[in-house]
Amino acid sequence: MSRRPKFAVEDTEEYQYVLANFRIAHEKVEKQQSQLEEQEQLVAQLRARIQRLEGGAGLQMPGGNSVDDFSIKTGASQLDKLINRWASDIIQRPPVPLLLMYEASLNDIASGPDSASAFTGTSMQVQSLLRHALAETVCDGFINCLIVSNSKEANIQLTRIHEHIFARDPTVAAVWRRQTFSAAVEACTPEMAHSILAEQIPHLTHLLGSVGILPTAEIIASAFHFSRMLHGAAGAGDAFYRAFVPEVGSPMHAGQIELVKRCLRNERREADRVGCTIFPGLVKVGQDATQPQHTVVRRAQVICECALTPSR
């Protein structure tokens, strides 16, 4: 078995020179490694910033996540329950005669003299008409108008600006929309809420406001946050959401509505019309090379005429 050779290193000036150079080289390597780690952190921050500007997952709504089908379903269900409870409480303990609420509702929502010809003013019909009135308010007052500030005029102008940008470049519009909502108001003030109600349902606002039973602050807050979730959350890509409410007395289109009560005429394959819409539908609007693309992501909740007028 051979013996390993033994080496003796003399502590010479040349040895000290080599050792010093080795230490310097080692320190440079450590410094370069530290710089590389800092660069990687900067790159990660830049990527997050780019993702934020592009409307990606880097921008989350305060206290929430990216918008998805489950979030939409949950938010819509909560708002629908609040509206139904409000309308039901009014009918159970009417503060004004039903006839007055019936007339005010028709004046606010009827699209023509024949649209509500099947109605007679029963309590069930009035309750449904109240829900339809609030469905239109949620649609046009909260979802289809971007509520960014406490000024109605400013919100209308911002909505028009967004539509103009979207028609030119949906990606830029998505970035603009999310950046704008990141600095939007956190709540809908009572003054702003009254302004929306007075514009969307003026007759009911005057009638019910005189006895202090306008839609509750809880309904307003739920509608506001539902709208903000749709427009300000991440994860929707370049598309944005718009609401729609089928008009009273209009034809029923299966791809746009979901009947919440049994329709006997429909089962007999007979034509029927929309009685009331109790909650808006939602479409996701995208843009291809030539024209906007509309995809129904949640059908409007509708009661048909025959369900509201069983004797017909």
C-alpha atoms as a PDB file:
ATOM      1  CA  MET A   1       0.000   0.000   0.000  1.00  0.00           C
ATOM      2  CA  SER A   2       1.549   3.215  -1.109  1.00  0.00           C
ATOM      3  CA  ARG A   3       1.876   6.117   1.201  1.00  0.00           C
ATOM      4  CA  ARG A   4       0.329   9.440   0.397  1.00  0.00           C
ATOM      5  CA  PRO A   5       2.855  12.098  -0.327  1.00  0.00           C
ATOM      6  CA  LYS A   6       3.228  14.844   2.252  1.00  0.00           C
ATOM      7  CA  PHE A   7       3.323  18.469   1.227  1.00  0.00           C
ATOM      8  CA  ALA A   8       4.777  21.265   3.208  1.00  0.00           C
ATOM      9  CA  VAL A   9       3.688  24.805   2.449  1.00  0.00           C
ATOM     10  CA  GLU A  10       6.116  27.472   3.370  1.00  0.00           C
ATOM     11  CA  ASP A  11       4.708  30.746   4.658  1.00  0.00           C
ATOM     12  CA  THR A  12       6.478  32.782   2.073  1.00  0.00           C
ATOM     13  CA  GLU A  13       5.704  36.168   0.568  1.00  0.00           C
ATOM     14  CA  GLU A  14       4.446  34.461  -2.574  1.00  0.00           C
ATOM     15  CA  TYR A  15       2.066  32.303  -0.535  1.00  0.00           C
ATOM     16  CA  GLN A  16       0.650  35.334   1.273  1.00  0.00           C
ATOM     17  CA  TYR A  17       0.142  37.052  -2.087  1.00  0.00           C
ATOM     18  CA  VAL A  18      -1.809  34.096  -3.493  1.00  0.00           C
ATOM     19  CA  LEU A  19      -3.882  33.815  -0.310  1.00  0.00           C
ATOM     20  CA  ALA A  20      -4.741  37.513  -0.394  1.00  0.00           C
ATOM     21  CA  ASN A  21      -5.821  37.282  -4.027  1.00  0.00           C
ATOM     22  CA  PHE A  22      -7.986  34.271  -3.213  1.00  0.00           C
ATOM     23  CA  ARG A  23      -9.720  36.184  -0.418  1.00  0.00           C
ATOM     24  CA  ILE A  24     -10.314  39.161  -2.699  1.00  0.00           C
ATOM     25  CA  ALA A  25     -11.751  36.902  -5.403  1.00  0.00           C
ATOM     26  CA  HIS A  26     -13.980  35.175  -2.850  1.00  0.00           C
ATOM     27  CA  GLU A  27     -15.290  38.517  -1.569  1.00  0.00           C
ATOM     28  CA  LYS A  28     -16.017  39.616  -5.148  1.00  0.00           C
ATOM     29  CA  VAL A  29     -17.975  36.413  -5.775  1.00  0.00           C
ATOM     30  CA  GLU A  30     -20.021  36.991  -2.617  1.00  0.00           C
ATOM     31  CA  LYS A  31     -20.651  40.592  -3.637  1.00  0.00           C
ATOM     32  CA  GLN A  32     -21.751  39.531  -7.123  1.00  0.00           C
ATOM     33  CA  GLN A  33     -24.054  36.915  -5.628  1.00  0.00           C
ATOM     34  CA  SER A  34     -25.614  39.545  -3.366  1.00  0.00           C
ATOM     35  CA  GLN A  35     -26.082  41.870  -6.343  1.00  0.00           C
ATOM     36  CA  LEU A  36     -27.684  39.055  -8.320  1.00  0.00           C
ATOM     37  CA  GLU A  37     -30.165  38.404  -5.519  1.00  0.00           C
ATOM     38  CA  GLU A  38     -31.029  42.112  -5.405  1.00  0.00           C
ATOM     39  CA  GLN A  39     -31.551  42.107  -9.165  1.00  0.00           C
ATOM     40  CA  GLU A  40     -33.863  39.103  -8.902  1.00  0.00           C
ATOM     41  CA  GLN A  41     -35.912  40.938  -6.286  1.00  0.00           C
ATOM     42  CA  LEU A  42     -36.134  44.002  -8.520  1.00  0.00           C
ATOM     43  CA  VAL A  43     -37.204  41.846 -11.468  1.00  0.00           C
ATOM     44  CA  ALA A  44     -39.928  40.250  -9.322  1.00  0.00           C
ATOM     45  CA  GLN A  45     -41.138  43.692  -8.247  1.00  0.00           C
ATOM     46  CA  LEU A  46     -41.167  44.902 -11.842  1.00  0.00           C
ATOM     47  CA  ARG A  47     -43.116  41.840 -12.956  1.00  0.00           C
ATOM     48  CA  ALA A  48     -45.660  42.456 -10.208  1.00  0.00           C
ATOM     49  CA  ARG A  49     -45.918  46.088 -11.276  1.00  0.00           C
ATOM     50  CA  ILE A  50     -46.443  45.114 -14.921  1.00  0.00           C
ATOM     51  CA  GLN A  51     -49.085  42.590 -13.898  1.00  0.00           C
ATOM     52  CA  ARG A  52     -50.797  45.285 -11.852  1.00  0.00           C
ATOM     53  CA  LEU A  53     -50.808  47.730 -14.757  1.00  0.00           C
ATOM     54  CA  GLU A  54     -52.185  45.042 -17.063  1.00  0.00           C
ATOM     55  CA  GLY A  55     -55.032  44.363 -14.671  1.00  0.00           C
ATOM     56  CA  GLY A  56     -53.720  41.009 -13.553  1.00  0.00           C
ATOM     57  CA  ALA A  57     -53.841  39.327 -10.176  1.00  0.00           C
ATOM     58  CA  GLY A  58     -51.464  41.912  -8.735  1.00  0.00           C
ATOM     59  CA  LEU A  59     -54.417  44.248  -8.175  1.00  0.00           C
ATOM     60  CA  GLN A  60     -56.889  42.904  -5.670  1.00  0.00           C
ATOM     61  CA  MET A  61     -59.873  44.696  -4.262  1.00  0.00           C
ATOM     62  CA  PRO A  62     -59.479  45.574  -0.570  1.00  0.00           C
ATOM     63  CA  GLY A  63     -60.648  42.603   1.442  1.00  0.00           C
ATOM     64  CA  GLY A  64     -61.423  40.502  -1.639  1.00  0.00           C
ATOM     65  CA  ASN A  65     -60.029  38.317  -4.388  1.00  0.00           C
ATOM     66  CA  SER A  66     -60.362  38.263  -8.130  1.00  0.00           C
ATOM     67  CA  VAL A  67     -63.874  38.196  -9.504  1.00  0.00           C
ATOM     68  CA  ASP A  68     -65.148  34.789 -10.605  1.00  0.00           C
ATOM     69  CA  ASP A  69     -68.439  32.973 -11.134  1.00  0.00           C
ATOM     70  CA  PHE A  70     -68.711  32.036  -7.450  1.00  0.00           C
ATOM     71  CA  SER A  71     -68.126  35.632  -6.322  1.00  0.00           C
ATOM     72  CA  ILE A  72     -70.770  36.862  -8.756  1.00  0.00           C
ATOM     73  CA  LYS A  73     -73.262  34.224  -7.628  1.00  0.00           C
ATOM     74  CA  THR A  74     -72.671  34.984  -3.946  1.00  0.00           C
ATOM     75  CA  GLY A  75     -72.876  38.761  -4.346  1.00  0.00           C
ATOM     76  CA  ALA A  76     -76.000  38.566  -6.509  1.00  0.00           C
ATOM     77  CA  SER A  77     -77.704  36.160  -4.113  1.00  0.00           C
ATOM     78  CA  GLN A  78     -77.082  38.407  -1.104  1.00  0.00           C
ATOM     79  CA  LEU A  79     -78.376  41.496  -2.896  1.00  0.00           C
ATOM     80  CA  ASP A  80     -81.408  39.633  -4.253  1.00  0.00           C
ATOM     81  CA  LYS A  81     -82.371  38.466  -0.745  1.00  0.00           C
ATOM     82  CA  LEU A  82     -82.136  42.007   0.632  1.00  0.00           C
ATOM     83  CA  ILE A  83     -84.338  43.398  -2.146  1.00  0.00           C
ATOM     84  CA  ASN A  84     -86.903  40.612  -1.724  1.00  0.00           C
ATOM     85  CA  ARG A  85     -87.056  41.165   2.051  1.00  0.00           C
ATOM     86  CA  TRP A  86     -87.524  44.913   1.587  1.00  0.00           C
ATOM     87  CA  ALA A  87     -90.365  44.474  -0.922  1.00  0.00           C
ATOM     88  CA  SER A  88     -91.994  41.758   1.190  1.00  0.00           C
ATOM     89  CA  ASP A  89     -91.919  43.904   4.347  1.00  0.00           C
ATOM     90  CA  ILE A  90     -93.582  46.777   2.486  1.00  0.00           C
ATOM     91  CA  ILE A  91     -96.409  44.557   1.220  1.00  0.00           C
ATOM     92  CA  GLN A  92     -96.958  42.972   4.638  1.00  0.00           C
ATOM     93  CA  ARG A  93     -97.212  46.386   6.317  1.00  0.00           C
ATOM     94  CA  PRO A  94     -98.025  48.854   3.529  1.00  0.00           C
ATOM     95  CA  PRO A  95     -97.282  52.435   4.655  1.00  0.00           C
ATOM     96  CA  VAL A  96     -99.350  53.816   1.772  1.00  0.00           C
ATOM     97  CA  PRO A  97    -102.254  52.290  -0.180  1.00  0.00           C
ATOM     98  CA  LEU A  98    -101.246  49.512  -2.575  1.00  0.00           C
ATOM     99  CA  LEU A  99    -102.904  51.369  -5.424  1.00  0.00           C
ATOM    100  CA  LEU A 100    -100.520  54.313  -5.009  1.00  0.00           C
ATOM    101  CA  MET A 101     -97.471  52.022  -5.009  1.00  0.00           C
ATOM    102  CA  TYR A 102     -98.874  50.169  -8.004  1.00  0.00           C
ATOM    103  CA  GLU A 103     -99.328  53.365 -10.004  1.00  0.00           C
ATOM    104  CA  ALA A 104     -95.921  54.738  -8.982  1.00  0.00           C
ATOM    105  CA  SER A 105     -94.218  51.482  -9.967  1.00  0.00           C
ATOM    106  CA  LEU A 106     -95.855  51.409 -13.384  1.00  0.00           C
ATOM    107  CA  ASN A 107     -94.957  55.052 -14.000  1.00  0.00           C
ATOM    108  CA  ASP A 108     -91.311  54.263 -13.243  1.00  0.00           C
ATOM    109  CA  ILE A 109     -90.865  50.994 -15.119  1.00  0.00           C
ATOM    110  CA  ALA A 110     -93.599  50.478 -17.738  1.00  0.00           C
ATOM    111  CA  SER A 111     -92.200  50.768 -21.259  1.00  0.00           C
ATOM    112  CA  GLY A 112     -95.543  51.318 -22.995  1.00  0.00           C
ATOM    113  CA  PRO A 113     -99.331  51.359 -22.515  1.00  0.00           C
ATOM    114  CA  ASP A 114     -99.654  47.659 -23.337  1.00  0.00           C
ATOM    115  CA  SER A 115     -96.631  46.422 -21.387  1.00  0.00           C
ATOM    116  CA  ALA A 116     -98.526  46.081 -18.098  1.00  0.00           C
ATOM    117  CA  SER A 117    -102.022  45.472 -19.459  1.00  0.00           C
ATOM    118  CA  ALA A 118    -102.219  42.125 -17.651  1.00  0.00           C
ATOM    119  CA  PHE A 119    -101.804  43.673 -14.185  1.00  0.00           C
ATOM    120  CA  THR A 120    -104.619  44.600 -11.822  1.00  0.00           C
ATOM    121  CA  GLY A 121    -102.672  45.799  -8.778  1.00  0.00           C
ATOM    122  CA  THR A 122    -102.747  42.730  -6.528  1.00  0.00           C
ATOM    123  CA  SER A 123    -100.319  42.557  -3.615  1.00  0.00           C
ATOM    124  CA  MET A 124     -98.233  39.887  -5.378  1.00  0.00           C
ATOM    125  CA  GLN A 125     -98.008  42.043  -8.487  1.00  0.00           C
ATOM    126  CA  VAL A 126     -97.040  45.154  -6.514  1.00  0.00           C
ATOM    127  CA  GLN A 127     -94.320  43.247  -4.668  1.00  0.00           C
ATOM    128  CA  SER A 128     -92.931  41.980  -7.977  1.00  0.00           C
ATOM    129  CA  LEU A 129     -93.110  45.457  -9.503  1.00  0.00           C
ATOM    130  CA  LEU A 130     -91.153  46.868  -6.549  1.00  0.00           C
ATOM    131  CA  ARG A 131     -88.473  44.248  -7.100  1.00  0.00           C
ATOM    132  CA  HIS A 132     -88.417  45.061 -10.817  1.00  0.00           C
ATOM    133  CA  ALA A 133     -87.981  48.747  -9.997  1.00  0.00           C
ATOM    134  CA  LEU A 134     -84.964  48.004  -7.812  1.00  0.00           C
ATOM    135  CA  ALA A 135     -83.573  45.607 -10.416  1.00  0.00           C
ATOM    136  CA  GLU A 136     -83.561  48.479 -12.910  1.00  0.00           C
ATOM    137  CA  THR A 137     -81.959  50.738 -10.293  1.00  0.00           C
ATOM    138  CA  VAL A 138     -79.167  48.245  -9.640  1.00  0.00           C
ATOM    139  CA  CYS A 139     -78.704  47.771 -13.386  1.00  0.00           C
ATOM    140  CA  ASP A 140     -78.546  51.372 -14.578  1.00  0.00           C
ATOM    141  CA  GLY A 141     -77.670  53.191 -11.379  1.00  0.00           C
ATOM    142  CA  PHE A 142     -74.935  50.971  -9.961  1.00  0.00           C
ATOM    143  CA  ILE A 143     -73.567  48.493 -12.513  1.00  0.00           C
ATOM    144  CA  ASN A 144     -73.812  50.226 -15.887  1.00  0.00           C
ATOM    145  CA  CYS A 145     -72.599  53.531 -14.447  1.00  0.00           C
ATOM    146  CA  LEU A 146     -69.128  53.444 -12.883  1.00  0.00           C
ATOM    147  CA  ILE A 147     -69.438  54.808  -9.347  1.00  0.00           C
ATOM    148  CA  VAL A 148     -65.991  56.250  -8.760  1.00  0.00           C
ATOM    149  CA  SER A 149     -66.824  59.496  -6.970  1.00  0.00           C
ATOM    150  CA  ASN A 150     -69.701  61.061  -5.041  1.00  0.00           C
ATOM    151  CA  SER A 151     -70.570  63.232  -8.041  1.00  0.00           C
ATOM    152  CA  LYS A 152     -73.231  61.896 -10.401  1.00  0.00           C
ATOM    153  CA  GLU A 153     -71.985  64.070 -13.256  1.00  0.00           C
ATOM    154  CA  ALA A 154     -68.384  62.937 -12.758  1.00  0.00           C
ATOM    155  CA  ASN A 155     -69.418  59.279 -12.703  1.00  0.00           C
ATOM    156  CA  ILE A 156     -71.380  59.668 -15.933  1.00  0.00           C
ATOM    157  CA  GLN A 157     -68.408  61.349 -17.584  1.00  0.00           C
ATOM    158  CA  LEU A 158     -65.994  58.644 -16.380  1.00  0.00           C
ATOM    159  CA  THR A 159     -68.344  55.964 -17.714  1.00  0.00           C
ATOM    160  CA  ARG A 160     -68.311  57.637 -21.133  1.00  0.00           C
ATOM    161  CA  ILE A 161     -64.521  57.919 -21.055  1.00  0.00           C
ATOM    162  CA  HIS A 162     -64.265  54.200 -20.294  1.00  0.00           C
ATOM    163  CA  GLU A 163     -66.610  53.309 -23.163  1.00  0.00           C
ATOM    164  CA  HIS A 164     -64.539  55.442 -25.535  1.00  0.00           C
ATOM    165  CA  ILE A 165     -61.264  53.819 -24.414  1.00  0.00           C
ATOM    166  CA  PHE A 166     -62.762  50.323 -24.570  1.00  0.00           C
ATOM    167  CA  ALA A 167     -63.922  50.833 -28.153  1.00  0.00           C
ATOM    168  CA  ARG A 168     -60.332  51.651 -29.109  1.00  0.00           C
ATOM    169  CA  ASP A 169     -58.371  49.189 -26.956  1.00  0.00           C
ATOM    170  CA  PRO A 170     -59.961  46.820 -24.391  1.00  0.00           C
ATOM    171  CA  THR A 171     -56.613  46.120 -22.716  1.00  0.00           C
ATOM    172  CA  VAL A 172     -55.951  49.798 -22.080  1.00  0.00           C
ATOM    173  CA  ALA A 173     -59.551  50.161 -20.864  1.00  0.00           C
ATOM    174  CA  ALA A 174     -59.062  47.297 -18.399  1.00  0.00           C
ATOM    175  CA  VAL A 175     -55.932  48.933 -16.978  1.00  0.00           C
ATOM    176  CA  TRP A 176     -57.674  52.317 -16.803  1.00  0.00           C
ATOM    177  CA  ARG A 177     -60.737  50.812 -15.117  1.00  0.00           C
ATOM    178  CA  ARG A 178     -58.840  48.973 -12.408  1.00  0.00           C
ATOM    179  CA  GLN A 179     -56.459  51.831 -11.729  1.00  0.00           C
ATOM    180  CA  THR A 180     -59.421  54.207 -11.473  1.00  0.00           C
ATOM    181  CA  PHE A 181     -61.276  51.950  -9.056  1.00  0.00           C
ATOM    182  CA  SER A 182     -58.172  51.561  -6.901  1.00  0.00           C
ATOM    183  CA  ALA A 183     -58.702  55.232  -5.965  1.00  0.00           C
ATOM    184  CA  ALA A 184     -62.519  55.201  -5.969  1.00  0.00           C
ATOM    185  CA  VAL A 185     -64.771  56.082  -3.051  1.00  0.00           C
ATOM    186  CA  GLU A 186     -65.160  53.305  -0.486  1.00  0.00           C
ATOM    187  CA  ALA A 187     -68.903  53.715   0.052  1.00  0.00           C
ATOM    188  CA  CYS A 188     -72.002  55.276  -1.452  1.00  0.00           C
ATOM    189  CA  THR A 189     -73.059  58.310   0.567  1.00  0.00           C
ATOM    190  CA  PRO A 190     -76.742  58.817   1.481  1.00  0.00           C
ATOM    191  CA  GLU A 191     -76.840  61.852  -0.807  1.00  0.00           C
ATOM    192  CA  MET A 192     -75.449  59.854  -3.720  1.00  0.00           C
ATOM    193  CA  ALA A 193     -77.857  56.982  -3.030  1.00  0.00           C
ATOM    194  CA  HIS A 194     -80.857  59.331  -3.011  1.00  0.00           C
ATOM    195  CA  SER A 195     -79.651  60.914  -6.249  1.00  0.00           C
ATOM    196  CA  ILE A 196     -79.483  57.499  -7.944  1.00  0.00           C
ATOM    197  CA  LEU A 197     -82.928  56.483  -6.680  1.00  0.00           C
ATOM    198  CA  ALA A 198     -84.485  59.805  -7.685  1.00  0.00           C
ATOM    199  CA  GLU A 199     -83.084  59.458 -11.187  1.00  0.00           C
ATOM    200  CA  GLN A 200     -83.969  55.792 -11.741  1.00  0.00           C
ATOM    201  CA  ILE A 201     -87.339  55.503  -9.940  1.00  0.00           C
ATOM    202  CA  PRO A 202     -88.552  59.083  -9.326  1.00  0.00           C
ATOM    203  CA  HIS A 203     -92.216  58.307  -8.570  1.00  0.00           C
ATOM    204  CA  LEU A 204     -91.447  55.560  -6.055  1.00  0.00           C
ATOM    205  CA  THR A 205     -88.683  57.650  -4.497  1.00  0.00           C
ATOM    206  CA  HIS A 206     -91.097  60.534  -3.933  1.00  0.00           C
ATOM    207  CA  LEU A 207     -93.890  58.279  -2.640  1.00  0.00           C
ATOM    208  CA  LEU A 208     -91.843  55.998  -0.387  1.00  0.00           C
ATOM    209  CA  GLY A 209     -89.435  58.728   0.672  1.00  0.00           C
ATOM    210  CA  SER A 210     -92.339  60.706   2.122  1.00  0.00           C
ATOM    211  CA  VAL A 211     -92.978  57.869   4.600  1.00  0.00           C
ATOM    212  CA  GLY A 212     -89.323  56.943   5.164  1.00  0.00           C
ATOM    213  CA  ILE A 213     -89.231  53.478   3.592  1.00  0.00           C
ATOM    214  CA  LEU A 214     -86.797  53.916   0.734  1.00  0.00           C
ATOM    215  CA  PRO A 215     -84.432  50.985   0.054  1.00  0.00           C
ATOM    216  CA  THR A 216     -82.319  50.418   3.147  1.00  0.00           C
ATOM    217  CA  ALA A 217     -78.691  51.416   3.579  1.00  0.00           C
ATOM    218  CA  GLU A 218     -77.879  47.694   3.546  1.00  0.00           C
ATOM    219  CA  ILE A 219     -79.356  47.329   0.043  1.00  0.00           C
ATOM    220  CA  ILE A 220     -77.471  50.389  -1.214  1.00  0.00           C
ATOM    221  CA  ALA A 221     -74.185  49.156   0.274  1.00  0.00           C
ATOM    222  CA  SER A 222     -74.687  45.677  -1.186  1.00  0.00           C
ATOM    223  CA  ALA A 223     -75.442  47.082  -4.658  1.00  0.00           C
ATOM    224  CA  PHE A 224     -72.436  49.405  -4.449  1.00  0.00           C
ATOM    225  CA  HIS A 225     -69.998  46.657  -3.462  1.00  0.00           C
ATOM    226  CA  PHE A 226     -71.452  44.244  -6.036  1.00  0.00           C
ATOM    227  CA  SER A 227     -70.788  46.823  -8.751  1.00  0.00           C
ATOM    228  CA  ARG A 228     -67.310  47.526  -7.432  1.00  0.00           C
ATOM    229  CA  MET A 229     -66.496  43.815  -7.362  1.00  0.00           C
ATOM    230  CA  LEU A 230     -67.476  43.497 -11.032  1.00  0.00           C
ATOM    231  CA  HIS A 231     -65.563  46.523 -12.278  1.00  0.00           C
ATOM    232  CA  GLY A 232     -62.601  46.868  -9.945  1.00  0.00           C
ATOM    233  CA  ALA A 233     -61.507  43.316  -9.158  1.00  0.00           C
ATOM    234  CA  ALA A 234     -58.729  41.494 -10.971  1.00  0.00           C
ATOM    235  CA  GLY A 235     -59.051  38.406 -13.098  1.00  0.00           C
ATOM    236  CA  ALA A 236     -61.575  39.502 -15.717  1.00  0.00           C
ATOM    237  CA  GLY A 237     -58.971  40.139 -18.401  1.00  0.00           C
ATOM    238  CA  ASP A 238     -59.901  42.765 -20.979  1.00  0.00           C
ATOM    239  CA  ALA A 239     -63.655  42.173 -20.661  1.00  0.00           C
ATOM    240  CA  PHE A 240     -65.987  44.094 -18.407  1.00  0.00           C
ATOM    241  CA  TYR A 241     -69.492  43.484 -17.107  1.00  0.00           C
ATOM    242  CA  ARG A 242     -72.784  45.130 -17.962  1.00  0.00           C
ATOM    243  CA  ALA A 243     -76.225  44.401 -16.538  1.00  0.00           C
ATOM    244  CA  PHE A 244     -79.541  44.082 -18.365  1.00  0.00           C
ATOM    245  CA  VAL A 245     -83.185  43.968 -17.276  1.00  0.00           C
ATOM    246  CA  PRO A 246     -85.811  42.525 -19.651  1.00  0.00           C
ATOM    247  CA  GLU A 247     -88.680  45.009 -19.868  1.00  0.00           C
ATOM    248  CA  VAL A 248     -92.132  44.346 -18.479  1.00  0.00           C
ATOM    249  CA  GLY A 249     -94.272  42.866 -21.250  1.00  0.00           C
ATOM    250  CA  SER A 250     -91.323  42.021 -23.511  1.00  0.00           C
ATOM    251  CA  PRO A 251     -90.865  38.600 -25.174  1.00  0.00           C
ATOM    252  CA  MET A 252     -88.991  35.977 -23.174  1.00  0.00           C
ATOM    253  CA  HIS A 253     -85.658  34.795 -24.590  1.00  0.00           C
ATOM    254  CA  ALA A 254     -84.448  31.526 -23.082  1.00  0.00           C
ATOM    255  CA  GLY A 255     -80.777  32.433 -23.343  1.00  0.00           C
ATOM    256  CA  GLN A 256     -81.255  35.641 -21.357  1.00  0.00           C
ATOM    257  CA  ILE A 257     -83.771  34.769 -18.638  1.00  0.00           C
ATOM    258  CA  GLU A 258     -84.304  32.232 -15.897  1.00  0.00           C
ATOM    259  CA  LEU A 259     -87.882  31.730 -14.719  1.00  0.00           C
ATOM    260  CA  VAL A 260     -88.196  31.704 -10.934  1.00  0.00           C
ATOM    261  CA  LYS A 261     -91.840  30.566 -11.006  1.00  0.00           C
ATOM    262  CA  ARG A 262     -93.539  27.892 -13.054  1.00  0.00           C
ATOM    263  CA  CYS A 263     -94.824  29.109 -16.432  1.00  0.00           C
ATOM    264  CA  LEU A 264     -97.830  27.085 -17.581  1.00  0.00           C
ATOM    265  CA  ARG A 265     -97.944  28.749 -20.976  1.00  0.00           C
ATOM    266  CA  ASN A 266     -94.312  27.906 -21.585  1.00  0.00           C
ATOM    267  CA  GLU A 267     -94.982  24.282 -20.676  1.00  0.00           C
ATOM    268  CA  ARG A 268     -97.814  24.233 -23.216  1.00  0.00           C
ATOM    269  CA  ARG A 269     -95.407  25.775 -25.747  1.00  0.00           C
ATOM    270  CA  GLU A 270     -97.491  28.930 -25.852  1.00  0.00           C
ATOM    271  CA  ALA A 271     -95.968  32.384 -26.109  1.00  0.00           C
ATOM    272  CA  ASP A 272     -95.720  34.333 -22.874  1.00  0.00           C
ATOM    273  CA  ARG A 273     -94.219  37.657 -21.881  1.00  0.00           C
ATOM    274  CA  VAL A 274     -92.031  38.976 -19.098  1.00  0.00           C
ATOM    275  CA  GLY A 275     -94.142  39.849 -16.075  1.00  0.00           C
ATOM    276  CA  CYS A 276     -91.376  41.279 -13.898  1.00  0.00           C
ATOM    277  CA  THR A 277     -87.614  41.019 -13.630  1.00  0.00           C
ATOM    278  CA  ILE A 278     -86.661  40.533 -10.009  1.00  0.00           C
ATOM    279  CA  PHE A 279     -82.884  40.619 -10.532  1.00  0.00           C
ATOM    280  CA  PRO A 280     -80.737  41.815 -13.444  1.00  0.00           C
ATOM    281  CA  GLY A 281     -78.795  39.567 -15.768  1.00  0.00           C
ATOM    282  CA  LEU A 282     -75.091  40.059 -16.471  1.00  0.00           C
ATOM    283  CA  VAL A 283     -73.141  39.993 -19.714  1.00  0.00           C
ATOM    284  CA  LYS A 284     -69.381  39.992 -20.133  1.00  0.00           C
ATOM    285  CA  VAL A 285     -68.427  42.364 -22.931  1.00  0.00           C
ATOM    286  CA  GLY A 286     -65.312  41.603 -24.947  1.00  0.00           C
ATOM    287  CA  GLN A 287     -63.910  43.087 -28.133  1.00  0.00           C
ATOM    288  CA  ASP A 288     -62.622  41.234 -31.164  1.00  0.00           C
ATOM    289  CA  ALA A 289     -61.102  42.702 -34.290  1.00  0.00           C
ATOM    290  CA  THR A 290     -64.409  43.963 -35.666  1.00  0.00           C
ATOM    291  CA  GLN A 291     -67.117  44.317 -33.015  1.00  0.00           C
ATOM    292  CA  PRO A 292     -68.004  43.827 -29.332  1.00  0.00           C
ATOM    293  CA  GLN A 293     -68.788  40.315 -28.139  1.00  0.00           C
ATOM    294  CA  HIS A 294     -71.468  39.821 -25.473  1.00  0.00           C
ATOM    295  CA  THR A 295     -71.574  36.652 -23.382  1.00  0.00           C
ATOM    296  CA  VAL A 296     -74.375  36.106 -20.871  1.00  0.00           C
ATOM    297  CA  VAL A 297     -72.731  34.962 -17.637  1.00  0.00           C
ATOM    298  CA  ARG A 298     -75.832  35.224 -15.456  1.00  0.00           C
ATOM    299  CA  ARG A 299     -79.371  35.172 -16.784  1.00  0.00           C
ATOM    300  CA  ALA A 300     -81.936  37.683 -15.528  1.00  0.00           C
ATOM    301  CA  GLN A 301     -84.309  36.315 -12.871  1.00  0.00           C
ATOM    302  CA  VAL A 302     -87.815  36.680 -14.306  1.00  0.00           C
ATOM    303  CA  ILE A 303     -91.441  35.994 -13.382  1.00  0.00           C
ATOM    304  CA  CYS A 304     -93.673  35.472 -16.407  1.00  0.00           C
ATOM    305  CA  GLU A 305     -97.043  37.165 -16.931  1.00  0.00           C
ATOM    306  CA  CYS A 306     -99.094  34.022 -16.402  1.00  0.00           C
ATOM    307  CA  ALA A 307     -97.494  33.414 -12.987  1.00  0.00           C
ATOM    308  CA  LEU A 308     -98.455  36.943 -11.905  1.00  0.00           C
ATOM    309  CA  THR A 309    -101.961  36.663 -13.358  1.00  0.00           C
ATOM    310  CA  PRO A 310    -103.076  33.072 -12.595  1.00  0.00           C
ATOM    311  CA  SER A 311    -106.639  33.682 -13.776  1.00  0.00           C
ATOM    312  CA  ARG A 312    -105.515  34.503 -17.323  1.00  0.00           C
END
